[in-house]
């Protein structure tokens, strides 16, 4: 079982509700990205379908049901993920949960359980449902059927319609304290995590993902943002940045601009997310126009909110880099 140290309270509560037959028919796992919500949702689904649940409420891993789950063929477990458009050739496609996939899930949940127990559906990144798809979910939430559980997982629950949220029991996942996060990362063989945890805003799984997969991408962004100090034009980096994951880069750029805003409003004693770039940021803040900094900050937030909208990535980064140079 993979229930992380900072999830123990949530897991114990869910296990207690299950044993007392008080588990709601629809759950919403919400909280910052990188806190392990998806893994906990899958563990709960596995435990509900397992025929020999362990004392701690986890799946045994050895029964026929667990073997089917491990093989991805359990007929009563349905996992929905956002997918790109079938015709997309983009390296950064817009992901969404398709209404056809939801309808197929509804049909499966309406059938009798093949194991005589629960039927479970996990919808990851549920906020990526288009409005039409979200509305189609209401009927299932209102009339779920016996021994049916829906688990919605979202790092941005505010993007879900209130009609969806109000029909789910919320389980909140928080970022752990720095000591717990660093200890968990160290147990996985990852040391020197201070900067990674800052960039991940304390979320351990996001910090791990950064260290293992995204450090070079952030290095390129930093190089682009510091281009002017070397007499280069940052716009020359737009093409490379356009090929990289947009959500990570925009989040890092937002932190960079936010740090400049903090220095402008709170002075050089303030704590920064990008502490490894403090000297550069302090120099940049001395010449920055406050109105332009906050305008760019708001623009980046609007781009993060519009992640479901297809944008020309080359033009996007050219515009952002020019805006940053003009602060």
Protein backbone atom coordinates (compact mmCIF):
# COMPACT_ATOMS: atom_id res chain seq x y z
CA UNK A 1 0.00 0.00 0.00
CA UNK A 2 1.20 3.49 -0.82
CA UNK A 3 -0.37 5.83 1.67
CA UNK A 4 2.11 8.61 2.30
CA UNK A 5 3.03 9.67 5.85
CA UNK A 6 1.14 12.97 5.56
CA UNK A 7 -2.06 11.16 4.46
CA UNK A 8 -2.52 8.93 7.49
CA UNK A 9 -5.31 10.99 9.07
CA UNK A 10 -7.33 11.04 5.85
CA UNK A 11 -6.83 7.31 5.29
CA UNK A 12 -7.86 6.42 8.83
CA UNK A 13 -11.00 8.53 8.52
CA UNK A 14 -11.96 6.91 5.19
CA UNK A 15 -11.28 3.43 6.60
CA UNK A 16 -13.38 4.16 9.68
CA UNK A 17 -16.27 5.44 7.56
CA UNK A 18 -16.07 2.36 5.38
CA UNK A 19 -16.16 -0.06 8.33
CA UNK A 20 -19.11 1.80 9.81
CA UNK A 21 -20.92 1.80 6.44
CA UNK A 22 -20.90 5.59 6.43
CA UNK A 23 -18.79 6.09 3.31
CA UNK A 24 -20.46 8.61 1.00
CA UNK A 25 -21.35 7.53 -2.53
CA UNK A 26 -19.30 10.40 -4.00
CA UNK A 27 -15.98 11.72 -2.69
CA UNK A 28 -13.93 14.72 -3.76
CA UNK A 29 -10.22 14.47 -3.01
CA UNK A 30 -8.90 18.02 -3.20
CA UNK A 31 -5.70 19.83 -2.35
CA UNK A 32 -2.48 21.13 -3.90
CA UNK A 33 -0.84 19.22 -6.73
CA UNK A 34 1.87 16.85 -5.58
CA UNK A 35 0.27 15.74 -2.31
CA UNK A 36 -0.67 12.23 -3.46
CA UNK A 37 -4.44 12.56 -3.90
CA UNK A 38 -4.55 10.31 -6.96
CA UNK A 39 -2.62 7.54 -5.26
CA UNK A 40 -4.88 7.67 -2.20
CA UNK A 41 -7.97 7.50 -4.44
CA UNK A 42 -6.62 4.41 -6.18
CA UNK A 43 -5.70 2.80 -2.87
CA UNK A 44 -9.22 3.34 -1.57
CA UNK A 45 -10.71 1.90 -4.75
CA UNK A 46 -8.45 -1.15 -4.46
CA UNK A 47 -9.36 -1.65 -0.80
CA UNK A 48 -13.08 -1.54 -1.56
CA UNK A 49 -12.75 -4.19 -4.25
CA UNK A 50 -10.33 -6.44 -2.36
CA UNK A 51 -11.91 -9.57 -0.88
CA UNK A 52 -9.39 -9.91 1.98
CA UNK A 53 -8.78 -6.39 3.25
CA UNK A 54 -5.92 -6.03 5.74
CA UNK A 55 -6.34 -4.74 9.29
CA UNK A 56 -5.17 -1.26 8.30
CA UNK A 57 -7.88 -1.05 5.65
CA UNK A 58 -5.58 -1.64 2.70
CA UNK A 59 -5.95 -4.15 -0.13
CA UNK A 60 -4.24 -7.49 0.49
CA UNK A 61 -2.57 -7.63 -2.92
CA UNK A 62 -2.99 -11.39 -3.24
CA UNK A 63 -6.66 -12.17 -3.80
CA UNK A 64 -8.17 -12.66 -7.26
CA UNK A 65 -9.64 -9.15 -7.19
CA UNK A 66 -6.25 -7.60 -6.38
CA UNK A 67 -4.59 -9.57 -9.16
CA UNK A 68 -7.17 -8.27 -11.64
CA UNK A 69 -6.60 -4.72 -10.39
CA UNK A 70 -2.84 -5.12 -10.81
CA UNK A 71 -3.42 -6.32 -14.36
CA UNK A 72 -5.79 -3.44 -15.06
CA UNK A 73 -8.68 -5.76 -15.90
CA UNK A 74 -10.99 -5.63 -12.87
CA UNK A 75 -14.51 -5.23 -14.32
CA UNK A 76 -15.79 -3.17 -11.38
CA UNK A 77 -12.99 -0.57 -11.37
CA UNK A 78 -13.14 2.32 -13.81
CA UNK A 79 -10.38 4.92 -14.11
CA UNK A 80 -10.90 8.09 -16.13
CA UNK A 81 -8.01 10.36 -17.10
CA UNK A 82 -7.86 13.51 -19.22
CA UNK A 83 -6.76 12.72 -22.78
CA UNK A 84 -5.73 14.86 -25.78
CA UNK A 85 -7.95 15.28 -28.84
CA UNK A 86 -7.68 12.29 -31.16
CA UNK A 87 -6.38 14.49 -33.97
CA UNK A 88 -3.82 16.38 -31.88
CA UNK A 89 -0.16 16.32 -32.94
CA UNK A 90 0.97 18.94 -30.43
CA UNK A 91 3.79 18.22 -27.98
CA UNK A 92 1.67 20.05 -25.37
CA UNK A 93 -1.90 19.05 -26.24
CA UNK A 94 -4.95 20.31 -24.35
CA UNK A 95 -6.17 17.50 -22.11
CA UNK A 96 -9.79 16.97 -21.16
CA UNK A 97 -12.14 14.26 -19.93
CA UNK A 98 -14.32 13.27 -22.85
CA UNK A 99 -18.06 13.03 -22.46
CA UNK A 100 -18.07 9.73 -24.39
CA UNK A 101 -15.71 8.25 -21.79
CA UNK A 102 -18.00 9.46 -19.01
CA UNK A 103 -21.03 7.93 -20.67
CA UNK A 104 -19.22 4.60 -21.02
CA UNK A 105 -18.42 4.80 -17.31
CA UNK A 106 -22.08 5.49 -16.46
CA UNK A 107 -23.18 2.43 -18.41
CA UNK A 108 -20.62 0.25 -16.63
CA UNK A 109 -21.65 1.55 -13.21
CA UNK A 110 -25.32 0.84 -13.94
CA UNK A 111 -24.58 -2.85 -14.48
CA UNK A 112 -24.53 -5.44 -11.71
CA UNK A 113 -21.18 -5.88 -9.98
CA UNK A 114 -19.45 -8.93 -11.39
CA UNK A 115 -17.92 -9.66 -7.98
CA UNK A 116 -21.07 -8.91 -6.00
CA UNK A 117 -19.54 -5.93 -4.21
CA UNK A 118 -18.63 -2.34 -4.97
CA UNK A 119 -18.42 -0.70 -8.36
CA UNK A 120 -15.85 2.10 -8.19
CA UNK A 121 -14.96 4.92 -10.58
CA UNK A 122 -12.00 7.26 -10.08
CA UNK A 123 -11.97 10.47 -12.13
CA UNK A 124 -8.52 12.07 -11.98
CA UNK A 125 -8.10 15.79 -12.70
CA UNK A 126 -11.89 16.02 -12.61
CA UNK A 127 -11.72 19.80 -13.14
CA UNK A 128 -10.72 19.08 -16.75
CA UNK A 129 -14.28 18.07 -17.57
CA UNK A 130 -15.98 20.40 -20.07
CA UNK A 131 -19.25 21.90 -18.82
CA UNK A 132 -21.35 19.49 -20.86
CA UNK A 133 -19.43 16.52 -19.45
CA UNK A 134 -19.71 17.84 -15.89
CA UNK A 135 -23.46 18.30 -16.27
CA UNK A 136 -23.82 14.73 -17.49
CA UNK A 137 -22.23 13.58 -14.23
CA UNK A 138 -25.03 15.01 -12.10
CA UNK A 139 -27.49 12.19 -12.73
CA UNK A 140 -24.98 9.59 -11.57
CA UNK A 141 -24.19 11.66 -8.48
CA UNK A 142 -27.88 12.01 -7.67
CA UNK A 143 -28.79 8.37 -8.39
CA UNK A 144 -25.58 6.42 -7.84
CA UNK A 145 -27.01 2.98 -7.32
CA UNK A 146 -26.24 0.59 -4.48
CA UNK A 147 -22.57 -0.08 -3.61
CA UNK A 148 -21.37 2.47 -6.14
CA UNK A 149 -18.59 4.91 -5.32
CA UNK A 150 -17.36 7.85 -7.38
CA UNK A 151 -14.04 9.44 -6.41
CA UNK A 152 -13.25 12.77 -8.04
CA UNK A 153 -9.68 14.06 -7.70
CA UNK A 154 -8.80 17.70 -8.29
CA UNK A 155 -6.06 20.20 -7.54
CA UNK A 156 -8.42 22.97 -8.69
CA UNK A 157 -11.82 22.10 -7.18
CA UNK A 158 -13.06 25.68 -7.66
CA UNK A 159 -13.15 24.94 -11.39
CA UNK A 160 -15.78 22.26 -10.84
CA UNK A 161 -19.42 23.39 -10.96
CA UNK A 162 -20.88 23.98 -7.52
CA UNK A 163 -23.60 21.46 -8.39
CA UNK A 164 -20.86 18.80 -8.59
CA UNK A 165 -18.99 19.88 -5.46
CA UNK A 166 -22.15 20.06 -3.35
CA UNK A 167 -22.94 16.40 -4.09
CA UNK A 168 -19.53 15.11 -3.00
CA UNK A 169 -18.03 14.61 0.43
CA UNK A 170 -14.76 16.51 0.48
CA UNK A 171 -11.49 15.06 1.75
CA UNK A 172 -8.78 17.70 1.93
CA UNK A 173 -5.08 16.90 1.43
CA UNK A 174 -2.54 19.37 2.74
CA UNK A 175 1.10 20.01 2.04
CA UNK A 176 3.15 18.38 4.85
CA UNK A 177 5.65 20.24 6.96
CA UNK A 178 9.13 20.60 5.48
CA UNK A 179 10.70 18.04 7.82
CA UNK A 180 8.18 15.33 6.87
CA UNK A 181 8.53 16.08 3.16
CA UNK A 182 12.33 16.12 3.25
CA UNK A 183 12.43 12.91 5.29
CA UNK A 184 10.19 11.11 2.79
CA UNK A 185 12.30 12.30 -0.13
CA UNK A 186 15.50 11.23 1.66
CA UNK A 187 14.05 7.75 2.19
CA UNK A 188 13.64 7.57 -1.57
CA UNK A 189 17.29 8.39 -2.08
CA UNK A 190 16.77 12.07 -2.88
CA UNK A 191 18.84 14.53 -0.85
CA UNK A 192 19.52 18.28 -1.09
CA UNK A 193 15.81 18.97 -1.57
CA UNK A 194 15.48 22.44 -0.06
CA UNK A 195 15.30 24.33 -3.36
CA UNK A 196 13.09 21.69 -5.00
CA UNK A 197 10.57 21.87 -2.15
CA UNK A 198 10.50 25.65 -2.41
CA UNK A 199 9.80 25.47 -6.14
CA UNK A 200 7.08 22.87 -5.46
CA UNK A 201 5.57 25.00 -2.65
CA UNK A 202 6.23 22.15 -0.23
CA UNK A 203 4.47 19.40 -2.22
CA UNK A 204 6.71 16.31 -1.96
CA UNK A 205 5.62 14.49 -5.12
CA UNK A 206 5.94 17.63 -7.21
CA UNK A 207 9.41 18.23 -5.77
CA UNK A 208 10.36 14.65 -6.62
CA UNK A 209 9.02 15.08 -10.16
CA UNK A 210 10.99 18.30 -10.54
CA UNK A 211 14.27 16.70 -9.45
CA UNK A 212 13.82 13.63 -11.62
CA UNK A 213 12.31 15.13 -14.76
CA UNK A 214 12.15 18.92 -14.92
CA UNK A 215 15.34 20.48 -13.54
CA UNK A 216 16.77 21.11 -17.01
CA UNK A 217 13.55 22.76 -18.15
CA UNK A 218 13.60 25.19 -15.27
CA UNK A 219 17.30 25.84 -15.97
CA UNK A 220 16.41 26.86 -19.52
CA UNK A 221 13.66 29.19 -18.29
CA UNK A 222 16.07 30.81 -15.83
CA UNK A 223 18.58 31.23 -18.64
CA UNK A 224 15.93 32.91 -20.77
CA UNK A 225 14.84 35.25 -17.98
CA UNK A 226 18.46 36.23 -17.33
CA UNK A 227 19.30 36.66 -21.03
CA UNK A 228 19.34 40.46 -20.86
CA UNK A 229 22.10 40.42 -18.23
CA UNK A 230 24.28 38.61 -20.78
CA UNK A 231 23.39 40.98 -23.61
CA UNK A 232 21.08 38.42 -25.27
CA UNK A 233 17.47 38.68 -26.39
CA UNK A 234 15.29 36.35 -24.32
CA UNK A 235 12.90 35.87 -27.25
CA UNK A 236 15.46 33.54 -28.81
CA UNK A 237 14.49 30.95 -26.18
CA UNK A 238 10.79 30.99 -27.04
CA UNK A 239 10.99 28.13 -29.53
CA UNK A 240 12.60 25.75 -27.03
CA UNK A 241 10.25 26.76 -24.21
CA UNK A 242 7.27 26.15 -26.50
CA UNK A 243 8.21 22.47 -26.68
CA UNK A 244 8.13 22.00 -22.91
CA UNK A 245 5.26 21.37 -20.43
CA UNK A 246 3.32 24.62 -20.23
CA UNK A 247 1.89 24.18 -16.73
CA UNK A 248 5.28 23.73 -15.08
CA UNK A 249 6.91 26.63 -16.93
CA UNK A 250 4.04 29.02 -16.30
CA UNK A 251 4.01 28.14 -12.60
CA UNK A 252 7.75 28.80 -12.36
CA UNK A 253 7.42 32.07 -14.27
CA UNK A 254 4.60 33.12 -11.96
CA UNK A 255 6.82 32.45 -8.93
CA UNK A 256 9.63 34.43 -10.54
CA UNK A 257 7.39 37.45 -11.14
CA UNK A 258 5.81 37.03 -7.68
CA UNK A 259 9.27 37.13 -6.11
CA UNK A 260 9.96 40.44 -7.86
CA UNK A 261 6.63 41.71 -6.55
CA UNK A 262 7.53 40.63 -3.02
CA UNK A 263 10.85 42.47 -3.22
CA UNK A 264 9.11 45.60 -4.48
CA UNK A 265 6.50 45.61 -1.72
CA UNK A 266 8.28 44.00 1.25
CA UNK A 267 11.93 44.79 0.66
CA UNK A 268 14.98 42.56 0.40
CA UNK A 269 14.37 40.88 3.76
CA UNK A 270 11.38 38.99 2.35
CA UNK A 271 11.48 35.24 1.74
CA UNK A 272 11.56 34.16 -1.91
CA UNK A 273 10.50 31.01 -3.71
CA UNK A 274 13.53 31.27 -6.01
CA UNK A 275 16.10 31.72 -3.26
CA UNK A 276 18.79 30.31 -5.53
CA UNK A 277 18.25 33.33 -7.79
CA UNK A 278 17.96 35.99 -5.08
CA UNK A 279 20.82 38.19 -6.32
CA UNK A 280 19.42 38.32 -9.85
CA UNK A 281 15.87 38.97 -8.62
CA UNK A 282 16.96 41.75 -6.29
CA UNK A 283 18.81 43.45 -9.13
CA UNK A 284 15.76 43.07 -11.38
CA UNK A 285 13.42 44.49 -8.74
CA UNK A 286 15.51 47.66 -8.40
CA UNK A 287 14.66 48.69 -11.95
CA UNK A 288 11.18 47.13 -12.31
CA UNK A 289 7.96 49.09 -12.63
CA UNK A 290 5.50 47.88 -10.00
CA UNK A 291 2.41 48.28 -12.20
CA UNK A 292 3.99 46.25 -15.01
CA UNK A 293 5.07 43.52 -12.60
CA UNK A 294 1.56 43.05 -11.21
CA UNK A 295 0.03 43.27 -14.68
CA UNK A 296 2.28 40.43 -15.90
CA UNK A 297 1.50 38.51 -12.70
CA UNK A 298 -2.24 38.71 -13.44
CA UNK A 299 -1.70 37.76 -17.08
CA UNK A 300 0.18 34.59 -16.12
CA UNK A 301 -2.60 33.62 -13.71
CA UNK A 302 -5.14 34.03 -16.51
CA UNK A 303 -3.03 31.74 -18.71
CA UNK A 304 -2.90 29.10 -15.97
CA UNK A 305 -6.67 29.26 -15.63
CA UNK A 306 -7.00 28.86 -19.40
CA UNK A 307 -5.03 25.61 -19.53
CA UNK A 308 -7.91 23.93 -21.37
CA UNK A 309 -7.69 26.41 -24.24
CA UNK A 310 -5.38 25.71 -27.17
CA UNK A 311 -2.84 28.51 -27.62
CA UNK A 312 0.04 28.93 -30.04
CA UNK A 313 2.96 28.06 -27.72
CA UNK A 314 5.57 29.92 -29.77
CA UNK A 315 3.62 33.18 -29.72
CA UNK A 316 2.74 32.63 -26.07
CA UNK A 317 6.35 32.50 -24.98
CA UNK A 318 7.48 35.28 -27.27
CA UNK A 319 4.84 37.53 -25.70
CA UNK A 320 5.72 36.50 -22.15
CA UNK A 321 9.46 36.96 -22.59
CA UNK A 322 9.03 40.37 -24.20
CA UNK A 323 6.69 41.40 -21.38
CA UNK A 324 9.25 40.26 -18.82
CA UNK A 325 12.07 42.18 -20.51
CA UNK A 326 9.89 45.32 -20.41
CA UNK A 327 9.25 45.21 -16.67
